[in-house]
N, C-alpha and C. Protein backbone atom coordinates (compact mmCIF):
# COMPACT_ATOMS: atom_id res chain seq x y z
N MET A 1 -30.04 -111.85 93.37
CA MET A 1 -29.32 -110.46 92.99
C MET A 1 -29.56 -111.41 91.18
N HIS A 2 -29.87 -113.12 91.47
CA HIS A 2 -30.52 -114.88 91.00
C HIS A 2 -32.00 -114.61 90.03
N ASP A 3 -32.10 -113.57 90.90
CA ASP A 3 -33.24 -113.16 90.11
C ASP A 3 -33.77 -112.68 89.15
N LEU A 4 -32.94 -111.20 89.45
CA LEU A 4 -32.73 -109.91 88.56
C LEU A 4 -32.18 -110.93 87.04
N ARG A 5 -31.07 -111.58 87.40
CA ARG A 5 -30.63 -112.56 85.77
C ARG A 5 -31.77 -113.01 85.25
N HIS A 6 -32.60 -113.35 85.73
CA HIS A 6 -34.00 -114.40 84.85
C HIS A 6 -34.94 -113.40 84.39
N THR A 7 -34.64 -112.25 85.05
CA THR A 7 -36.05 -111.15 84.87
C THR A 7 -35.50 -110.53 83.42
N ALA A 8 -33.92 -110.39 83.79
CA ALA A 8 -33.00 -109.07 82.57
C ALA A 8 -33.38 -110.57 80.42
N ALA A 9 -32.82 -111.77 81.29
CA ALA A 9 -32.35 -112.78 80.25
C ALA A 9 -33.91 -111.99 79.58
N SER A 10 -34.99 -112.32 80.07
CA SER A 10 -36.86 -112.47 80.23
C SER A 10 -36.98 -111.40 78.72
N LEU A 11 -36.84 -110.17 79.36
CA LEU A 11 -36.60 -109.03 78.75
C LEU A 11 -36.09 -108.97 78.17
N LEU A 12 -34.89 -109.58 77.72
CA LEU A 12 -34.21 -109.22 76.27
C LEU A 12 -34.57 -109.53 75.44
N LYS A 13 -34.86 -111.46 75.62
CA LYS A 13 -36.44 -111.79 74.71
C LYS A 13 -37.35 -111.76 74.88
N LYS A 14 -37.86 -110.95 74.41
CA LYS A 14 -38.91 -109.65 74.66
C LYS A 14 -39.48 -108.80 73.85
N LEU A 15 -38.38 -108.54 74.14
CA LEU A 15 -37.45 -106.76 72.99
C LEU A 15 -37.16 -107.89 71.61
N GLY A 16 -36.57 -108.65 71.13
CA GLY A 16 -35.93 -108.89 70.86
C GLY A 16 -34.52 -108.89 70.32
N VAL A 17 -33.77 -108.76 71.24
CA VAL A 17 -32.61 -108.65 71.60
C VAL A 17 -32.26 -110.29 71.70
N ALA A 18 -31.26 -110.32 70.11
CA ALA A 18 -30.57 -111.42 69.96
C ALA A 18 -29.75 -112.22 70.70
N PRO A 19 -29.54 -113.61 70.59
CA PRO A 19 -29.52 -114.53 71.88
C PRO A 19 -28.12 -114.62 71.59
N ARG A 20 -27.12 -114.30 70.60
CA ARG A 20 -26.21 -114.06 71.43
C ARG A 20 -25.49 -112.73 71.99
N ASP A 21 -26.62 -111.64 71.85
CA ASP A 21 -26.48 -110.39 72.67
C ASP A 21 -26.58 -110.15 74.45
N ALA A 22 -27.92 -110.57 74.66
CA ALA A 22 -28.20 -111.72 74.98
C ALA A 22 -27.43 -112.02 75.71
N MET A 23 -26.91 -113.00 75.70
CA MET A 23 -25.44 -113.38 76.52
C MET A 23 -24.19 -113.26 76.69
N GLU A 24 -24.06 -112.09 75.79
CA GLU A 24 -23.23 -111.30 76.63
C GLU A 24 -22.66 -109.81 77.49
N ILE A 25 -23.79 -109.46 76.88
CA ILE A 25 -24.83 -108.53 78.98
C ILE A 25 -25.11 -109.68 79.26
N LEU A 26 -25.49 -110.55 79.54
CA LEU A 26 -25.39 -110.93 80.81
C LEU A 26 -24.60 -111.32 81.44
N GLY A 27 -23.10 -112.12 81.20
CA GLY A 27 -21.70 -112.56 81.05
C GLY A 27 -21.49 -113.60 80.97
N HIS A 28 -22.40 -115.19 80.76
CA HIS A 28 -22.37 -116.65 80.47
C HIS A 28 -21.79 -116.24 78.79
N SER A 29 -20.76 -117.68 79.13
CA SER A 29 -19.96 -118.39 78.43
C SER A 29 -20.28 -118.58 77.56
N ARG A 30 -21.55 -119.53 77.82
CA ARG A 30 -22.22 -120.49 76.14
C ARG A 30 -23.57 -119.90 76.50
N ILE A 31 -24.03 -119.58 75.46
CA ILE A 31 -25.03 -119.68 74.76
C ILE A 31 -26.73 -120.32 75.84
N SER A 32 -26.07 -121.96 75.57
CA SER A 32 -26.88 -122.87 76.17
C SER A 32 -27.92 -122.28 77.21
N VAL A 33 -26.40 -122.00 78.33
CA VAL A 33 -26.85 -121.13 79.06
C VAL A 33 -28.06 -120.00 79.51
N THR A 34 -27.75 -119.64 78.57
CA THR A 34 -29.29 -118.00 78.86
C THR A 34 -29.91 -118.65 78.81
N MET A 35 -30.78 -119.31 76.94
CA MET A 35 -31.48 -119.38 76.49
C MET A 35 -32.64 -120.57 77.49
N GLU A 36 -31.34 -121.48 77.86
CA GLU A 36 -32.20 -122.92 78.34
C GLU A 36 -31.85 -122.88 79.72
N ILE A 37 -31.57 -121.63 79.96
CA ILE A 37 -31.72 -121.76 82.12
C ILE A 37 -32.28 -120.42 82.29
N TYR A 38 -31.17 -118.73 81.71
CA TYR A 38 -32.23 -117.72 82.39
C TYR A 38 -33.67 -117.28 81.12
N THR A 39 -33.70 -117.15 80.41
CA THR A 39 -34.76 -116.87 79.47
C THR A 39 -36.02 -117.94 79.99
N HIS A 40 -37.00 -117.31 79.64
CA HIS A 40 -38.35 -117.81 80.30
C HIS A 40 -39.69 -117.42 79.15
N GLY A 41 -40.33 -118.84 78.66
CA GLY A 41 -41.49 -117.86 78.11
C GLY A 41 -42.36 -117.10 78.96
N ASP A 42 -43.55 -116.85 77.62
CA ASP A 42 -44.86 -116.02 78.64
C ASP A 42 -45.66 -116.92 77.34
N GLU A 43 -47.53 -115.92 77.88
CA GLU A 43 -48.55 -116.58 77.24
C GLU A 43 -48.44 -115.51 76.27
N GLU A 44 -48.17 -114.04 76.45
CA GLU A 44 -47.68 -113.25 75.81
C GLU A 44 -47.07 -114.07 74.07
N SER A 45 -46.14 -113.62 74.31
CA SER A 45 -44.61 -114.57 73.40
C SER A 45 -45.57 -116.05 72.16
N ARG A 46 -46.58 -116.43 73.04
CA ARG A 46 -46.37 -118.08 72.52
C ARG A 46 -47.93 -117.86 71.87
N GLU A 47 -48.46 -116.28 72.29
CA GLU A 47 -49.69 -115.98 71.39
C GLU A 47 -48.70 -115.70 69.96
N SER A 48 -47.71 -114.98 70.61
CA SER A 48 -47.62 -113.99 69.40
C SER A 48 -46.81 -114.70 68.50
N ALA A 49 -46.21 -115.87 69.11
CA ALA A 49 -45.92 -117.12 67.62
C ALA A 49 -46.88 -117.40 66.89
N ILE A 50 -47.56 -117.90 67.79
CA ILE A 50 -48.85 -118.35 66.64
C ILE A 50 -50.00 -117.88 65.92
N ARG A 51 -50.19 -116.66 66.31
CA ARG A 51 -50.97 -115.72 65.73
C ARG A 51 -50.03 -115.76 63.98
N LYS A 52 -48.80 -115.51 64.15
CA LYS A 52 -47.93 -115.51 62.50
C LYS A 52 -47.57 -116.34 61.94
N VAL A 53 -48.11 -117.44 62.99
CA VAL A 53 -47.76 -119.08 61.70
C VAL A 53 -49.83 -118.92 61.37
N ASN A 54 -50.02 -118.26 62.49
CA ASN A 54 -52.23 -118.25 61.13
C ASN A 54 -51.81 -117.73 60.53
N ASP A 55 -50.55 -116.59 60.39
CA ASP A 55 -50.67 -115.13 59.29
C ASP A 55 -50.59 -115.76 58.22
N LEU A 56 -49.69 -117.01 57.96
CA LEU A 56 -48.84 -118.01 56.78
C LEU A 56 -49.77 -118.51 55.96
N PHE A 57 -51.24 -118.78 56.78
CA PHE A 57 -52.25 -119.31 55.85
C PHE A 57 -53.11 -118.56 55.43
N GLU A 58 -53.51 -117.73 56.10
CA GLU A 58 -54.55 -116.59 55.26
C GLU A 58 -53.98 -116.08 54.25
């Protein structure tokens, strides 16, 4: 069950769900728990962020 909460948090992040909404969906009392413990980054998200920054300079 615990791993499913991590997966759900990461999927919500990937789908662009606002952190506060993810916090409430997961039942956390503090947003820091959602963002620092349960949400995990991934290579695709990092590459997307870098592309967006790069696009600002083109």
